[in-house]
Amino acid sequence: MKILVTGGAGFIGSNLCESLIKENQIFCLDNFCNYYNPEIKRNNIKNILNDGNFTLCEGDIRDSDFLNRIFSDNRIDIVIHLAGMAGVRPSIENPEYYADVNINGTIKILEVMKKYDVKNLIFASTSSIYGNNKKIPFSESDNVDFPISPYASTKKACELIIHNYYHLYGVSSTILRFFTVYGPRQRPDLAIHKFTDLISSGKEITVFGDGSTSRDYTFIEDIVSGITSAVEYNRSKCSYDVINLGNNSPVKLTEMIQTIEDSLGIKAKKKYMEMQPGDVDITYADITKAENKLNYKPTTSFEEGIRRFTLWYKQKSNLEEK
């Protein structure tokens, strides 16, 4: 099967490409933007760069000519659309850019799929779309009309636009709402990676709020397993479906910090500040639908996931020092 993975050199994308490449031909689309050091993403895919089943397509999802070349030269079977601008707080500072990349970029992908009659799409959405939902755990049937950040709003817009293409053109679409993915290769701007870096260096970490906020941290291997199952589910029938991929076990911020401290054997120096605009109080996935439709079963405990992340972090740091 020929699979186009947009954002394929990123944290989730590179882990996914490594998993799928064993049995599929992978086209990895990435623009290596400078949101964080592009060399990190190039390093993510270095082990598969020369694999016969791997093709790197370097360019922007908003470039229609670039997309046309990929689709005209290759009979793509399914698109796994992970590309986009991520991050709640940066989206507040630059909402126009987020709207352009996430919404306009998704429309460009859908238009080229329509042109070349590609009927299967997996889309990466986010738990942020639930906003400060008072009902927990968050279910796919919950009202998501009240996101509290531009980032979440762009993802909600994309979900709606994708439904248009399902209704009008029969694009079988599976929307996956990811819940705080972590693990080896996690972006350096995300809390677990950032805290691990600062604690390891003896530097102060900033804790927003009183530490009682919670996140449903989901290990990268569990997410990749869920996406892989979604590919088979998506191709088995033409539908539009929204499915949570989480761990169904929220962890408080204080507990997250304590787990990193225990794994590193170092106490954190903390500075407390007020909650930041756009940050939600809790994310908590109801994964019943994923269990029933994708046979999704996350197996990695938070303690084990942090142990594996910090081990990766130490190995990476040792290589960088040499």
C-alpha atoms as a PDB file:
ATOM      1  CA  MET A   1       0.000   0.000   0.000  1.00  0.00           C
ATOM      2  CA  LYS A   2       1.223   3.512  -0.839  1.00  0.00           C
ATOM      3  CA  ILE A   3       0.770   5.806   2.165  1.00  0.00           C
ATOM      4  CA  LEU A   4       1.384   9.553   2.253  1.00  0.00           C
ATOM      5  CA  VAL A   5       2.224  10.734   5.775  1.00  0.00           C
ATOM      6  CA  THR A   6       2.171  14.523   6.074  1.00  0.00           C
ATOM      7  CA  GLY A   7       4.324  15.837   8.899  1.00  0.00           C
ATOM      8  CA  GLY A   8       6.113  12.524   8.587  1.00  0.00           C
ATOM      9  CA  ALA A   9       9.450  13.669  10.019  1.00  0.00           C
ATOM     10  CA  GLY A  10       7.928  14.978  13.244  1.00  0.00           C
ATOM     11  CA  PHE A  11       7.568  13.232  16.589  1.00  0.00           C
ATOM     12  CA  ILE A  12       4.474  11.170  15.851  1.00  0.00           C
ATOM     13  CA  GLY A  13       5.067  11.017  12.105  1.00  0.00           C
ATOM     14  CA  SER A  14       8.568   9.572  12.235  1.00  0.00           C
ATOM     15  CA  ASN A  15       7.578   6.877  14.733  1.00  0.00           C
ATOM     16  CA  LEU A  16       4.585   6.046  12.550  1.00  0.00           C
ATOM     17  CA  CYS A  17       6.677   5.882   9.357  1.00  0.00           C
ATOM     18  CA  GLU A  18       9.116   3.485  11.022  1.00  0.00           C
ATOM     19  CA  SER A  19       6.237   1.219  11.973  1.00  0.00           C
ATOM     20  CA  LEU A  20       4.398   1.300   8.640  1.00  0.00           C
ATOM     21  CA  ILE A  21       7.456   1.006   6.392  1.00  0.00           C
ATOM     22  CA  LYS A  22       7.828  -2.697   7.118  1.00  0.00           C
ATOM     23  CA  GLU A  23       4.840  -3.563   4.931  1.00  0.00           C
ATOM     24  CA  ASN A  24       4.059  -0.396   2.954  1.00  0.00           C
ATOM     25  CA  GLN A  25       5.578   2.168   0.631  1.00  0.00           C
ATOM     26  CA  ILE A  26       5.815   5.405   2.604  1.00  0.00           C
ATOM     27  CA  PHE A  27       5.878   8.926   1.203  1.00  0.00           C
ATOM     28  CA  CYS A  28       6.965  11.253   3.994  1.00  0.00           C
ATOM     29  CA  LEU A  29       5.942  14.864   3.406  1.00  0.00           C
ATOM     30  CA  ASP A  30       7.533  17.504   5.638  1.00  0.00           C
ATOM     31  CA  ASN A  31       8.620  21.115   5.193  1.00  0.00           C
ATOM     32  CA  PHE A  32      11.159  21.077   8.070  1.00  0.00           C
ATOM     33  CA  CYS A  33       9.965  24.477   9.300  1.00  0.00           C
ATOM     34  CA  ASN A  34      11.837  26.299  12.049  1.00  0.00           C
ATOM     35  CA  TYR A  35       9.124  26.012  14.737  1.00  0.00           C
ATOM     36  CA  TYR A  36      11.879  24.027  16.427  1.00  0.00           C
ATOM     37  CA  ASN A  37      15.311  22.995  15.154  1.00  0.00           C
ATOM     38  CA  PRO A  38      14.736  21.277  11.763  1.00  0.00           C
ATOM     39  CA  GLU A  39      17.774  19.075  12.360  1.00  0.00           C
ATOM     40  CA  ILE A  40      15.806  17.285  15.067  1.00  0.00           C
ATOM     41  CA  LYS A  41      13.281  16.140  12.471  1.00  0.00           C
ATOM     42  CA  ARG A  42      15.989  15.193   9.985  1.00  0.00           C
ATOM     43  CA  ASN A  43      17.556  13.086  12.702  1.00  0.00           C
ATOM     44  CA  ASN A  44      14.164  11.463  13.403  1.00  0.00           C
ATOM     45  CA  ILE A  45      14.083   9.844   9.956  1.00  0.00           C
ATOM     46  CA  LYS A  46      17.787   9.141   9.446  1.00  0.00           C
ATOM     47  CA  ASN A  47      17.394   5.403  10.107  1.00  0.00           C
ATOM     48  CA  ILE A  48      14.817   4.945   7.329  1.00  0.00           C
ATOM     49  CA  LEU A  49      15.989   7.592   4.883  1.00  0.00           C
ATOM     50  CA  ASN A  50      17.695   5.035   2.654  1.00  0.00           C
ATOM     51  CA  ASP A  51      15.046   2.329   2.971  1.00  0.00           C
ATOM     52  CA  GLY A  52      13.696   1.248  -0.409  1.00  0.00           C
ATOM     53  CA  ASN A  53      10.124   1.714   0.845  1.00  0.00           C
ATOM     54  CA  PHE A  54      10.734   5.309   1.983  1.00  0.00           C
ATOM     55  CA  THR A  55      10.503   8.484  -0.096  1.00  0.00           C
ATOM     56  CA  LEU A  56      11.078  11.930   1.424  1.00  0.00           C
ATOM     57  CA  CYS A  57       8.935  14.661  -0.140  1.00  0.00           C
ATOM     58  CA  GLU A  58      10.254  17.971   1.170  1.00  0.00           C
ATOM     59  CA  GLY A  59       7.761  20.799   0.763  1.00  0.00           C
ATOM     60  CA  ASP A  60       4.727  22.632   2.120  1.00  0.00           C
ATOM     61  CA  ILE A  61       1.160  21.292   2.293  1.00  0.00           C
ATOM     62  CA  ARG A  62      -0.042  24.729   1.095  1.00  0.00           C
ATOM     63  CA  ASP A  63       1.877  24.350  -2.188  1.00  0.00           C
ATOM     64  CA  SER A  64      -0.628  22.935  -4.696  1.00  0.00           C
ATOM     65  CA  ASP A  65       1.986  22.409  -7.436  1.00  0.00           C
ATOM     66  CA  PHE A  66       4.155  20.423  -5.033  1.00  0.00           C
ATOM     67  CA  LEU A  67       1.197  18.266  -3.961  1.00  0.00           C
ATOM     68  CA  ASN A  68       0.185  17.690  -7.567  1.00  0.00           C
ATOM     69  CA  ARG A  69       3.634  16.354  -8.400  1.00  0.00           C
ATOM     70  CA  ILE A  70       3.448  13.815  -5.562  1.00  0.00           C
ATOM     71  CA  PHE A  71      -0.020  12.596  -6.492  1.00  0.00           C
ATOM     72  CA  SER A  72       0.520  12.586 -10.268  1.00  0.00           C
ATOM     73  CA  ASP A  73       3.717  10.536  -9.967  1.00  0.00           C
ATOM     74  CA  ASN A  74       2.380   8.044  -7.413  1.00  0.00           C
ATOM     75  CA  ARG A  75      -0.926   6.266  -6.950  1.00  0.00           C
ATOM     76  CA  ILE A  76      -1.438   7.159  -3.277  1.00  0.00           C
ATOM     77  CA  ASP A  77      -3.852   4.800  -1.488  1.00  0.00           C
ATOM     78  CA  ILE A  78      -4.334   6.672   1.777  1.00  0.00           C
ATOM     79  CA  VAL A  79      -3.277   9.978   3.331  1.00  0.00           C
ATOM     80  CA  ILE A  80      -2.391  10.198   7.031  1.00  0.00           C
ATOM     81  CA  HIS A  81      -2.523  13.943   7.618  1.00  0.00           C
ATOM     82  CA  LEU A  82      -0.420  14.827  10.671  1.00  0.00           C
ATOM     83  CA  ALA A  83       1.125  18.057   9.359  1.00  0.00           C
ATOM     84  CA  GLY A  84       0.189  21.402  10.856  1.00  0.00           C
ATOM     85  CA  MET A  85       1.167  24.015  13.382  1.00  0.00           C
ATOM     86  CA  ALA A  86       0.854  22.670  16.929  1.00  0.00           C
ATOM     87  CA  GLY A  87       0.876  24.326  20.325  1.00  0.00           C
ATOM     88  CA  VAL A  88      -1.793  26.197  22.275  1.00  0.00           C
ATOM     89  CA  ARG A  89       0.203  29.179  23.517  1.00  0.00           C
ATOM     90  CA  PRO A  90       1.998  30.013  20.235  1.00  0.00           C
ATOM     91  CA  SER A  91      -1.357  29.930  18.429  1.00  0.00           C
ATOM     92  CA  ILE A  92      -2.590  32.771  20.627  1.00  0.00           C
ATOM     93  CA  GLU A  93       0.376  34.867  19.519  1.00  0.00           C
ATOM     94  CA  ASN A  94      -0.027  34.094  15.810  1.00  0.00           C
ATOM     95  CA  PRO A  95      -3.595  32.966  15.028  1.00  0.00           C
ATOM     96  CA  GLU A  96      -3.477  33.966  11.342  1.00  0.00           C
ATOM     97  CA  TYR A  97      -0.499  31.728  10.649  1.00  0.00           C
ATOM     98  CA  TYR A  98      -2.119  28.800  12.455  1.00  0.00           C
ATOM     99  CA  ALA A  99      -5.313  29.266  10.459  1.00  0.00           C
ATOM    100  CA  ASP A 100      -3.374  29.433   7.190  1.00  0.00           C
ATOM    101  CA  VAL A 101      -1.267  26.324   7.793  1.00  0.00           C
ATOM    102  CA  ASN A 102      -3.852  24.161   9.518  1.00  0.00           C
ATOM    103  CA  ILE A 103      -7.055  25.088   7.713  1.00  0.00           C
ATOM    104  CA  ASN A 104      -5.816  26.182   4.296  1.00  0.00           C
ATOM    105  CA  GLY A 105      -3.200  23.408   4.266  1.00  0.00           C
ATOM    106  CA  THR A 106      -5.861  20.798   4.986  1.00  0.00           C
ATOM    107  CA  ILE A 107      -8.070  22.135   2.207  1.00  0.00           C
ATOM    108  CA  LYS A 108      -5.111  21.867  -0.208  1.00  0.00           C
ATOM    109  CA  ILE A 109      -4.648  18.226   0.812  1.00  0.00           C
ATOM    110  CA  LEU A 110      -8.349  17.491   0.345  1.00  0.00           C
ATOM    111  CA  GLU A 111      -8.431  19.207  -3.042  1.00  0.00           C
ATOM    112  CA  VAL A 112      -5.539  17.171  -4.410  1.00  0.00           C
ATOM    113  CA  MET A 113      -7.116  14.009  -3.012  1.00  0.00           C
ATOM    114  CA  LYS A 114     -10.333  14.902  -4.844  1.00  0.00           C
ATOM    115  CA  LYS A 115      -8.444  15.590  -8.057  1.00  0.00           C
ATOM    116  CA  TYR A 116      -6.651  12.238  -8.021  1.00  0.00           C
ATOM    117  CA  ASP A 117      -9.603  10.277  -6.606  1.00  0.00           C
ATOM    118  CA  VAL A 118      -7.897   9.264  -3.352  1.00  0.00           C
ATOM    119  CA  LYS A 119     -10.722   8.173  -1.062  1.00  0.00           C
ATOM    120  CA  ASN A 120      -9.066   7.449   2.284  1.00  0.00           C
ATOM    121  CA  LEU A 121      -7.945   9.954   4.930  1.00  0.00           C
ATOM    122  CA  ILE A 122      -6.743   9.747   8.527  1.00  0.00           C
ATOM    123  CA  PHE A 123      -6.622  13.164  10.223  1.00  0.00           C
ATOM    124  CA  ALA A 124      -4.777  14.109  13.417  1.00  0.00           C
ATOM    125  CA  SER A 125      -7.030  16.197  15.628  1.00  0.00           C
ATOM    126  CA  THR A 126      -6.533  17.053  19.293  1.00  0.00           C
ATOM    127  CA  SER A 127      -7.973  16.724  22.771  1.00  0.00           C
ATOM    128  CA  SER A 128      -7.706  20.529  22.971  1.00  0.00           C
ATOM    129  CA  ILE A 129     -10.871  20.639  20.885  1.00  0.00           C
ATOM    130  CA  TYR A 130     -12.898  19.754  24.002  1.00  0.00           C
ATOM    131  CA  GLY A 131     -11.915  23.015  25.726  1.00  0.00           C
ATOM    132  CA  ASN A 132     -12.825  23.171  29.417  1.00  0.00           C
ATOM    133  CA  ASN A 133     -15.390  20.423  29.059  1.00  0.00           C
ATOM    134  CA  LYS A 134     -17.092  19.861  32.416  1.00  0.00           C
ATOM    135  CA  LYS A 135     -18.125  16.283  31.659  1.00  0.00           C
ATOM    136  CA  ILE A 136     -15.380  13.713  32.094  1.00  0.00           C
ATOM    137  CA  PRO A 137     -14.124  11.568  30.552  1.00  0.00           C
ATOM    138  CA  PHE A 138     -14.375  13.355  27.188  1.00  0.00           C
ATOM    139  CA  SER A 139     -16.529  11.488  24.681  1.00  0.00           C
ATOM    140  CA  GLU A 140     -16.642  11.928  20.912  1.00  0.00           C
ATOM    141  CA  SER A 141     -20.338  12.835  21.207  1.00  0.00           C
ATOM    142  CA  ASP A 142     -19.620  15.785  23.537  1.00  0.00           C
ATOM    143  CA  ASN A 143     -20.218  19.336  22.316  1.00  0.00           C
ATOM    144  CA  VAL A 144     -16.938  20.791  20.990  1.00  0.00           C
ATOM    145  CA  ASP A 145     -18.285  24.224  20.027  1.00  0.00           C
ATOM    146  CA  PHE A 146     -16.299  26.026  22.713  1.00  0.00           C
ATOM    147  CA  PRO A 147     -12.531  25.631  22.119  1.00  0.00           C
ATOM    148  CA  ILE A 148     -10.393  28.083  24.102  1.00  0.00           C
ATOM    149  CA  SER A 149      -7.385  28.521  21.807  1.00  0.00           C
ATOM    150  CA  PRO A 150      -6.870  29.327  18.114  1.00  0.00           C
ATOM    151  CA  TYR A 151      -5.017  26.022  17.730  1.00  0.00           C
ATOM    152  CA  ALA A 152      -8.031  24.043  18.943  1.00  0.00           C
ATOM    153  CA  SER A 153     -10.333  26.162  16.786  1.00  0.00           C
ATOM    154  CA  THR A 154      -8.343  25.359  13.646  1.00  0.00           C
ATOM    155  CA  LYS A 155      -8.610  21.649  14.388  1.00  0.00           C
ATOM    156  CA  LYS A 156     -12.371  21.941  14.889  1.00  0.00           C
ATOM    157  CA  ALA A 157     -12.591  23.789  11.559  1.00  0.00           C
ATOM    158  CA  CYS A 158     -10.603  21.023   9.860  1.00  0.00           C
ATOM    159  CA  GLU A 159     -12.916  18.343  11.237  1.00  0.00           C
ATOM    160  CA  LEU A 160     -15.902  20.183   9.749  1.00  0.00           C
ATOM    161  CA  ILE A 161     -14.227  20.748   6.373  1.00  0.00           C
ATOM    162  CA  ILE A 162     -13.225  17.098   6.174  1.00  0.00           C
ATOM    163  CA  HIS A 163     -16.864  16.173   6.756  1.00  0.00           C
ATOM    164  CA  ASN A 164     -17.742  18.310   3.703  1.00  0.00           C
ATOM    165  CA  TYR A 165     -15.424  16.201   1.541  1.00  0.00           C
ATOM    166  CA  TYR A 166     -16.861  12.988   2.960  1.00  0.00           C
ATOM    167  CA  HIS A 167     -20.395  14.164   2.208  1.00  0.00           C
ATOM    168  CA  LEU A 168     -19.683  15.670  -1.224  1.00  0.00           C
ATOM    169  CA  TYR A 169     -16.977  13.394  -2.607  1.00  0.00           C
ATOM    170  CA  GLY A 170     -17.069  10.183  -0.570  1.00  0.00           C
ATOM    171  CA  VAL A 171     -13.673  10.633   1.115  1.00  0.00           C
ATOM    172  CA  SER A 172     -13.655   8.006   3.865  1.00  0.00           C
ATOM    173  CA  SER A 173     -12.361  10.010   6.827  1.00  0.00           C
ATOM    174  CA  THR A 174     -11.233   8.932  10.271  1.00  0.00           C
ATOM    175  CA  ILE A 175     -10.609  11.787  12.713  1.00  0.00           C
ATOM    176  CA  LEU A 176      -8.283  10.816  15.565  1.00  0.00           C
ATOM    177  CA  ARG A 177      -8.262  13.106  18.587  1.00  0.00           C
ATOM    178  CA  PHE A 178      -4.862  12.633  20.238  1.00  0.00           C
ATOM    179  CA  PHE A 179      -4.457  13.107  23.987  1.00  0.00           C
ATOM    180  CA  THR A 180      -1.038  14.530  25.049  1.00  0.00           C
ATOM    181  CA  VAL A 181       1.331  12.194  23.249  1.00  0.00           C
ATOM    182  CA  TYR A 182       4.799  11.697  24.797  1.00  0.00           C
ATOM    183  CA  GLY A 183       7.786   9.419  24.444  1.00  0.00           C
ATOM    184  CA  PRO A 184      11.105   9.270  22.541  1.00  0.00           C
ATOM    185  CA  ARG A 185      11.435  12.110  19.970  1.00  0.00           C
ATOM    186  CA  GLN A 186       8.805  14.262  21.682  1.00  0.00           C
ATOM    187  CA  ARG A 187       9.061  17.899  20.586  1.00  0.00           C
ATOM    188  CA  PRO A 188      11.449  19.921  22.774  1.00  0.00           C
ATOM    189  CA  ASP A 189       8.806  22.587  23.507  1.00  0.00           C
ATOM    190  CA  LEU A 190       6.409  20.140  25.185  1.00  0.00           C
ATOM    191  CA  ALA A 191       6.257  19.929  28.980  1.00  0.00           C
ATOM    192  CA  ILE A 192       7.732  16.475  29.608  1.00  0.00           C
ATOM    193  CA  HIS A 193      10.705  17.101  27.322  1.00  0.00           C
ATOM    194  CA  LYS A 194      11.200  20.654  28.555  1.00  0.00           C
ATOM    195  CA  PHE A 195      10.994  19.683  32.241  1.00  0.00           C
ATOM    196  CA  THR A 196      13.367  16.751  31.742  1.00  0.00           C
ATOM    197  CA  ASP A 197      15.874  19.051  30.065  1.00  0.00           C
ATOM    198  CA  LEU A 198      15.678  21.732  32.755  1.00  0.00           C
ATOM    199  CA  ILE A 199      15.708  19.329  35.713  1.00  0.00           C
ATOM    200  CA  SER A 200      18.698  17.463  34.252  1.00  0.00           C
ATOM    201  CA  SER A 201      20.548  20.780  33.925  1.00  0.00           C
ATOM    202  CA  GLY A 202      19.699  21.906  37.450  1.00  0.00           C
ATOM    203  CA  LYS A 203      17.631  24.774  36.105  1.00  0.00           C
ATOM    204  CA  GLU A 204      14.307  26.067  37.361  1.00  0.00           C
ATOM    205  CA  ILE A 205      11.043  24.813  35.879  1.00  0.00           C
ATOM    206  CA  THR A 206       7.945  27.003  35.622  1.00  0.00           C
ATOM    207  CA  VAL A 207       4.755  25.473  36.980  1.00  0.00           C
ATOM    208  CA  PHE A 208       1.626  27.203  35.735  1.00  0.00           C
ATOM    209  CA  GLY A 209      -1.194  27.102  38.299  1.00  0.00           C
ATOM    210  CA  ASP A 210      -1.116  25.126  41.545  1.00  0.00           C
ATOM    211  CA  GLY A 211      -0.112  21.847  39.908  1.00  0.00           C
ATOM    212  CA  SER A 212      -3.603  20.336  40.005  1.00  0.00           C
ATOM    213  CA  THR A 213      -4.210  20.444  36.236  1.00  0.00           C
ATOM    214  CA  SER A 214      -4.282  16.985  34.664  1.00  0.00           C
ATOM    215  CA  ARG A 215      -3.436  15.518  31.282  1.00  0.00           C
ATOM    216  CA  ASP A 216      -4.245  12.144  29.773  1.00  0.00           C
ATOM    217  CA  TYR A 217      -0.662  11.341  28.753  1.00  0.00           C
ATOM    218  CA  THR A 218      -0.502   8.742  25.976  1.00  0.00           C
ATOM    219  CA  PHE A 219       2.705   6.928  25.053  1.00  0.00           C
ATOM    220  CA  ILE A 220       3.848   7.163  21.446  1.00  0.00           C
ATOM    221  CA  GLU A 221       3.790   3.396  20.792  1.00  0.00           C
ATOM    222  CA  ASP A 222       0.145   3.238  21.877  1.00  0.00           C
ATOM    223  CA  ILE A 223      -0.714   6.140  19.562  1.00  0.00           C
ATOM    224  CA  VAL A 224       1.093   4.518  16.628  1.00  0.00           C
ATOM    225  CA  SER A 225      -0.789   1.287  17.293  1.00  0.00           C
ATOM    226  CA  GLY A 226      -4.068   3.220  17.249  1.00  0.00           C
ATOM    227  CA  ILE A 227      -3.240   4.981  13.975  1.00  0.00           C
ATOM    228  CA  THR A 228      -2.234   1.707  12.340  1.00  0.00           C
ATOM    229  CA  SER A 229      -5.531   0.131  13.360  1.00  0.00           C
ATOM    230  CA  ALA A 230      -7.364   3.207  12.063  1.00  0.00           C
ATOM    231  CA  VAL A 231      -5.802   2.686   8.620  1.00  0.00           C
ATOM    232  CA  GLU A 232      -7.391  -0.759   8.337  1.00  0.00           C
ATOM    233  CA  TYR A 233     -10.689   0.487   9.787  1.00  0.00           C
ATOM    234  CA  ASN A 234     -10.764   3.447   7.408  1.00  0.00           C
ATOM    235  CA  ARG A 235     -10.206   1.311   4.312  1.00  0.00           C
ATOM    236  CA  SER A 236     -12.802  -1.277   5.307  1.00  0.00           C
ATOM    237  CA  LYS A 237     -15.758   1.045   4.680  1.00  0.00           C
ATOM    238  CA  CYS A 238     -16.608   4.552   3.530  1.00  0.00           C
ATOM    239  CA  SER A 239     -17.492   6.595   6.596  1.00  0.00           C
ATOM    240  CA  TYR A 240     -16.795   9.730   8.604  1.00  0.00           C
ATOM    241  CA  ASP A 241     -15.842   8.921  12.166  1.00  0.00           C
ATOM    242  CA  VAL A 242     -14.292  10.718  15.143  1.00  0.00           C
ATOM    243  CA  ILE A 243     -12.312   8.589  17.601  1.00  0.00           C
ATOM    244  CA  ASN A 244     -10.368   9.483  20.759  1.00  0.00           C
ATOM    245  CA  LEU A 245      -6.869   8.054  21.182  1.00  0.00           C
ATOM    246  CA  GLY A 246      -5.834   8.530  24.785  1.00  0.00           C
ATOM    247  CA  ASN A 247      -4.781   6.560  27.831  1.00  0.00           C
ATOM    248  CA  ASN A 248      -7.999   6.942  29.883  1.00  0.00           C
ATOM    249  CA  SER A 249      -5.897   7.830  32.956  1.00  0.00           C
ATOM    250  CA  PRO A 250      -5.208  11.525  33.684  1.00  0.00           C
ATOM    251  CA  VAL A 251      -2.038  12.467  35.558  1.00  0.00           C
ATOM    252  CA  LYS A 252      -1.792  15.644  37.653  1.00  0.00           C
ATOM    253  CA  LEU A 253       0.989  18.112  36.873  1.00  0.00           C
ATOM    254  CA  THR A 254       2.519  17.568  40.322  1.00  0.00           C
ATOM    255  CA  GLU A 255       2.568  13.813  39.720  1.00  0.00           C
ATOM    256  CA  MET A 256       4.117  14.270  36.280  1.00  0.00           C
ATOM    257  CA  ILE A 257       6.953  16.327  37.764  1.00  0.00           C
ATOM    258  CA  GLN A 258       7.440  13.820  40.604  1.00  0.00           C
ATOM    259  CA  THR A 259       7.651  10.924  38.125  1.00  0.00           C
ATOM    260  CA  ILE A 260      10.323  12.720  36.087  1.00  0.00           C
ATOM    261  CA  GLU A 261      12.241  13.524  39.290  1.00  0.00           C
ATOM    262  CA  ASP A 262      12.127   9.879  40.350  1.00  0.00           C
ATOM    263  CA  SER A 263      13.254   8.673  36.927  1.00  0.00           C
ATOM    264  CA  LEU A 264      16.157  11.122  36.775  1.00  0.00           C
ATOM    265  CA  GLY A 265      17.046  10.905  40.462  1.00  0.00           C
ATOM    266  CA  ILE A 266      17.079  14.725  40.629  1.00  0.00           C
ATOM    267  CA  LYS A 267      14.770  17.112  42.500  1.00  0.00           C
ATOM    268  CA  ALA A 268      13.238  19.921  40.462  1.00  0.00           C
ATOM    269  CA  LYS A 269      13.597  23.589  41.303  1.00  0.00           C
ATOM    270  CA  LYS A 270      10.116  25.055  40.838  1.00  0.00           C
ATOM    271  CA  LYS A 271       8.735  28.524  40.167  1.00  0.00           C
ATOM    272  CA  TYR A 272       4.949  28.864  40.298  1.00  0.00           C
ATOM    273  CA  MET A 273       3.064  31.227  38.011  1.00  0.00           C
ATOM    274  CA  GLU A 274      -0.560  31.870  37.076  1.00  0.00           C
ATOM    275  CA  MET A 275      -2.354  29.612  34.615  1.00  0.00           C
ATOM    276  CA  GLN A 276      -1.745  30.580  31.013  1.00  0.00           C
ATOM    277  CA  PRO A 277      -4.510  31.661  28.612  1.00  0.00           C
ATOM    278  CA  GLY A 278      -5.728  28.781  26.452  1.00  0.00           C
ATOM    279  CA  ASP A 279      -4.620  26.047  28.862  1.00  0.00           C
ATOM    280  CA  VAL A 280      -7.385  23.626  29.861  1.00  0.00           C
ATOM    281  CA  ASP A 281      -7.856  22.240  33.365  1.00  0.00           C
ATOM    282  CA  ILE A 282      -7.993  18.570  32.418  1.00  0.00           C
ATOM    283  CA  THR A 283      -7.943  16.195  29.469  1.00  0.00           C
ATOM    284  CA  TYR A 284      -9.432  12.758  29.963  1.00  0.00           C
ATOM    285  CA  ALA A 285     -10.248  10.406  27.087  1.00  0.00           C
ATOM    286  CA  ASP A 286     -13.186   8.074  26.927  1.00  0.00           C
ATOM    287  CA  ILE A 287     -11.624   5.399  24.705  1.00  0.00           C
ATOM    288  CA  THR A 288     -14.627   3.067  24.522  1.00  0.00           C
ATOM    289  CA  LYS A 289     -15.147   3.834  20.844  1.00  0.00           C
ATOM    290  CA  ALA A 290     -11.479   3.185  20.023  1.00  0.00           C
ATOM    291  CA  GLU A 291     -11.607  -0.084  21.943  1.00  0.00           C
ATOM    292  CA  ASN A 292     -14.705  -1.222  20.058  1.00  0.00           C
ATOM    293  CA  LYS A 293     -13.826  -0.040  16.548  1.00  0.00           C
ATOM    294  CA  LEU A 294     -10.016  -0.208  16.493  1.00  0.00           C
ATOM    295  CA  ASN A 295      -9.358  -2.847  19.158  1.00  0.00           C
ATOM    296  CA  TYR A 296      -7.258  -0.086  20.742  1.00  0.00           C
ATOM    297  CA  LYS A 297      -5.634  -1.062  24.037  1.00  0.00           C
ATOM    298  CA  PRO A 298      -3.002   1.310  25.441  1.00  0.00           C
ATOM    299  CA  THR A 299      -0.575  -0.760  27.495  1.00  0.00           C
ATOM    300  CA  THR A 300       2.148   1.661  28.658  1.00  0.00           C
ATOM    301  CA  SER A 301       1.840   2.991  32.206  1.00  0.00           C
ATOM    302  CA  PHE A 302       2.907   6.584  32.806  1.00  0.00           C
ATOM    303  CA  GLU A 303       5.797   5.478  35.019  1.00  0.00           C
ATOM    304  CA  GLU A 304       7.081   3.088  32.345  1.00  0.00           C
ATOM    305  CA  GLY A 305       6.623   5.673  29.622  1.00  0.00           C
ATOM    306  CA  ILE A 306       8.609   8.287  31.544  1.00  0.00           C
ATOM    307  CA  ARG A 307      11.323   5.712  32.274  1.00  0.00           C
ATOM    308  CA  ARG A 308      11.646   5.005  28.568  1.00  0.00           C
ATOM    309  CA  PHE A 309      11.548   8.690  27.659  1.00  0.00           C
ATOM    310  CA  THR A 310      14.246   9.708  30.146  1.00  0.00           C
ATOM    311  CA  LEU A 311      16.419   6.777  29.004  1.00  0.00           C
ATOM    312  CA  TRP A 312      16.104   8.056  25.413  1.00  0.00           C
ATOM    313  CA  TYR A 313      16.820  11.601  26.587  1.00  0.00           C
ATOM    314  CA  LYS A 314      20.011  10.561  28.390  1.00  0.00           C
ATOM    315  CA  GLN A 315      21.240   8.568  25.396  1.00  0.00           C
ATOM    316  CA  LYS A 316      20.545  11.514  23.084  1.00  0.00           C
ATOM    317  CA  SER A 317      22.316  13.922  25.434  1.00  0.00           C
ATOM    318  CA  ASN A 318      25.367  11.666  25.661  1.00  0.00           C
ATOM    319  CA  LEU A 319      25.614  11.492  21.850  1.00  0.00           C
ATOM    320  CA  GLU A 320      25.318  15.278  21.572  1.00  0.00           C
ATOM    321  CA  GLU A 321      28.150  15.763  24.079  1.00  0.00           C
ATOM    322  CA  LYS A 322      30.556  13.553  22.080  1.00  0.00           C
END
